[in-house]
C-alpha atoms as a PDB file:
ATOM      1  CA  MET A   1      -3.559  11.153   7.972  1.00  0.00           C
ATOM      2  CA  ASP A   2      -2.456   9.957   4.530  1.00  0.00           C
ATOM      3  CA  VAL A   3      -1.827   6.421   5.770  1.00  0.00           C
ATOM      4  CA  VAL A   4      -5.248   6.251   7.398  1.00  0.00           C
ATOM      5  CA  GLN A   5      -6.943   7.454   4.219  1.00  0.00           C
ATOM      6  CA  VAL A   6      -5.064   4.932   2.071  1.00  0.00           C
ATOM      7  CA  ILE A   7      -5.993   2.071   4.401  1.00  0.00           C
ATOM      8  CA  LEU A   8      -9.602   3.278   4.510  1.00  0.00           C
ATOM      9  CA  THR A   9      -9.729   3.494   0.718  1.00  0.00           C
ATOM     10  CA  VAL A  10      -8.320  -0.022   0.309  1.00  0.00           C
ATOM     11  CA  VAL A  11     -10.826  -1.451   2.810  1.00  0.00           C
ATOM     12  CA  HIS A  12     -13.644   0.459   1.111  1.00  0.00           C
ATOM     13  CA  VAL A  13     -12.775  -0.813  -2.371  1.00  0.00           C
ATOM     14  CA  LEU A  14     -12.324  -4.393  -1.151  1.00  0.00           C
ATOM     15  CA  SER A  15     -15.661  -4.272   0.666  1.00  0.00           C
ATOM     16  CA  ALA A  16     -17.358  -2.932  -2.478  1.00  0.00           C
ATOM     17  CA  ILE A  17     -15.927  -5.729  -4.623  1.00  0.00           C
ATOM     18  CA  THR A  18     -16.819  -8.338  -2.004  1.00  0.00           C
ATOM     19  CA  LEU A  19     -20.350  -6.974  -1.760  1.00  0.00           C
ATOM     20  CA  ILE A  20     -20.803  -7.217  -5.528  1.00  0.00           C
ATOM     21  CA  VAL A  21     -19.501 -10.793  -5.639  1.00  0.00           C
ATOM     22  CA  VAL A  22     -21.628 -11.959  -2.713  1.00  0.00           C
ATOM     23  CA  ILE A  23     -24.780 -10.409  -4.163  1.00  0.00           C
ATOM     24  CA  VAL A  24     -24.158 -11.988  -7.561  1.00  0.00           C
ATOM     25  CA  LEU A  25     -23.664 -15.413  -5.949  1.00  0.00           C
ATOM     26  CA  GLN A  26     -27.020 -15.269  -4.159  1.00  0.00           C
ATOM     27  CA  SER A  27     -29.892 -17.044  -5.836  1.00  0.00           C
ATOM     28  CA  GLY A  28     -32.764 -14.943  -6.979  1.00  0.00           C
ATOM     29  CA  LYS A  29     -36.189 -15.848  -8.267  1.00  0.00           C
ATOM     30  CA  SER A  30     -34.768 -16.577 -11.704  1.00  0.00           C
ATOM     31  CA  ALA A  31     -31.543 -18.101 -10.295  1.00  0.00           C
ATOM     32  CA  GLY A  32     -29.631 -15.985 -12.848  1.00  0.00           C
ATOM     33  CA  LEU A  33     -25.869 -16.101 -12.594  1.00  0.00           C
ATOM     34  CA  SER A  34     -25.899 -17.914  -9.268  1.00  0.00           C
ATOM     35  CA  GLY A  35     -27.535 -20.905 -10.903  1.00  0.00           C
ATOM     36  CA  SER A  36     -24.508 -21.425 -13.101  1.00  0.00           C
ATOM     37  CA  ILE A  37     -22.017 -20.818 -10.293  1.00  0.00           C
ATOM     38  CA  ALA A  38     -23.906 -22.655  -7.544  1.00  0.00           C
ATOM     39  CA  GLY A  39     -22.064 -25.920  -8.016  1.00  0.00           C
ATOM     40  CA  GLY A  40     -18.667 -24.295  -7.468  1.00  0.00           C
ATOM     41  CA  ALA A  41     -19.922 -22.158  -4.615  1.00  0.00           C
ATOM     42  CA  GLU A  42     -21.438 -25.165  -2.854  1.00  0.00           C
ATOM     43  CA  ALA A  43     -18.159 -27.007  -3.245  1.00  0.00           C
ATOM     44  CA  ILE A  44     -16.318 -24.100  -1.613  1.00  0.00           C
ATOM     45  CA  PHE A  45     -18.797 -23.285   1.168  1.00  0.00           C
ATOM     46  CA  GLY A  46     -20.316 -26.738   1.561  1.00  0.00           C
ATOM     47  CA  GLY A  47     -23.874 -27.478   2.544  1.00  0.00           C
ATOM     48  CA  LYS A  48     -27.086 -27.411   0.601  1.00  0.00           C
ATOM     49  CA  LYS A  49     -28.446 -24.485  -1.318  1.00  0.00           C
ATOM     50  CA  LYS A  50     -30.511 -23.214   1.617  1.00  0.00           C
ATOM     51  CA  GLY A  51     -27.446 -23.217   3.880  1.00  0.00           C
ATOM     52  CA  LEU A  52     -25.414 -21.451   1.214  1.00  0.00           C
ATOM     53  CA  ASP A  53     -28.092 -18.787   0.747  1.00  0.00           C
ATOM     54  CA  GLU A  54     -28.225 -18.174   4.504  1.00  0.00           C
ATOM     55  CA  LEU A  55     -24.435 -17.873   4.667  1.00  0.00           C
ATOM     56  CA  LEU A  56     -24.332 -15.482   1.717  1.00  0.00           C
ATOM     57  CA  SER A  57     -27.114 -13.433   3.294  1.00  0.00           C
ATOM     58  CA  LYS A  58     -25.162 -13.058   6.541  1.00  0.00           C
ATOM     59  CA  ILE A  59     -21.980 -12.168   4.647  1.00  0.00           C
ATOM     60  CA  THR A  60     -23.922  -9.576   2.629  1.00  0.00           C
ATOM     61  CA  ILE A  61     -25.208  -7.904   5.785  1.00  0.00           C
ATOM     62  CA  GLY A  62     -21.757  -7.794   7.361  1.00  0.00           C
ATOM     63  CA  VAL A  63     -20.021  -6.458   4.270  1.00  0.00           C
ATOM     64  CA  ALA A  64     -22.794  -3.900   3.672  1.00  0.00           C
ATOM     65  CA  ILE A  65     -22.335  -2.571   7.215  1.00  0.00           C
ATOM     66  CA  LEU A  66     -18.561  -2.389   6.680  1.00  0.00           C
ATOM     67  CA  PHE A  67     -19.103  -0.566   3.370  1.00  0.00           C
ATOM     68  CA  ALA A  68     -21.478   1.949   4.972  1.00  0.00           C
ATOM     69  CA  LEU A  69     -19.094   2.595   7.869  1.00  0.00           C
ATOM     70  CA  THR A  70     -16.110   3.133   5.589  1.00  0.00           C
ATOM     71  CA  SER A  71     -18.211   5.506   3.497  1.00  0.00           C
ATOM     72  CA  LEU A  72     -19.186   7.555   6.551  1.00  0.00           C
ATOM     73  CA  VAL A  73     -15.622   7.664   7.886  1.00  0.00           C
ATOM     74  CA  ALA A  74     -14.322   8.732   4.467  1.00  0.00           C
ATOM     75  CA  VAL A  75     -16.802  11.632   4.384  1.00  0.00           C
ATOM     76  CA  ILE A  76     -15.884  12.702   7.900  1.00  0.00           C
ATOM     77  CA  LEU A  77     -12.154  12.586   7.129  1.00  0.00           C
ATOM     78  CA  SER A  78     -12.589  14.504   3.869  1.00  0.00           C
ATOM     79  CA  ARG A  79     -14.255  17.414   5.689  1.00  0.00           C
ATOM     80  CA  GLN A  80     -11.391  17.877   8.144  1.00  0.00           C
END
């Protein structure tokens, strides 16, 4: 069980970091930090700002689901 918990912890931490980065890159009403990074992000992901925002939104949903699942599995494993 130790190996499973280590792998789960690594996936959980990586998903948390990814979730933070993806949320920060999304443009908000004030275009905060994403406004200064948008040029580099568009160069990496390609497309216009609307396409980039849609991509980041889909990535956020996927990573949030992964984060929630790893959280639930960690709780279940800790109770056994």
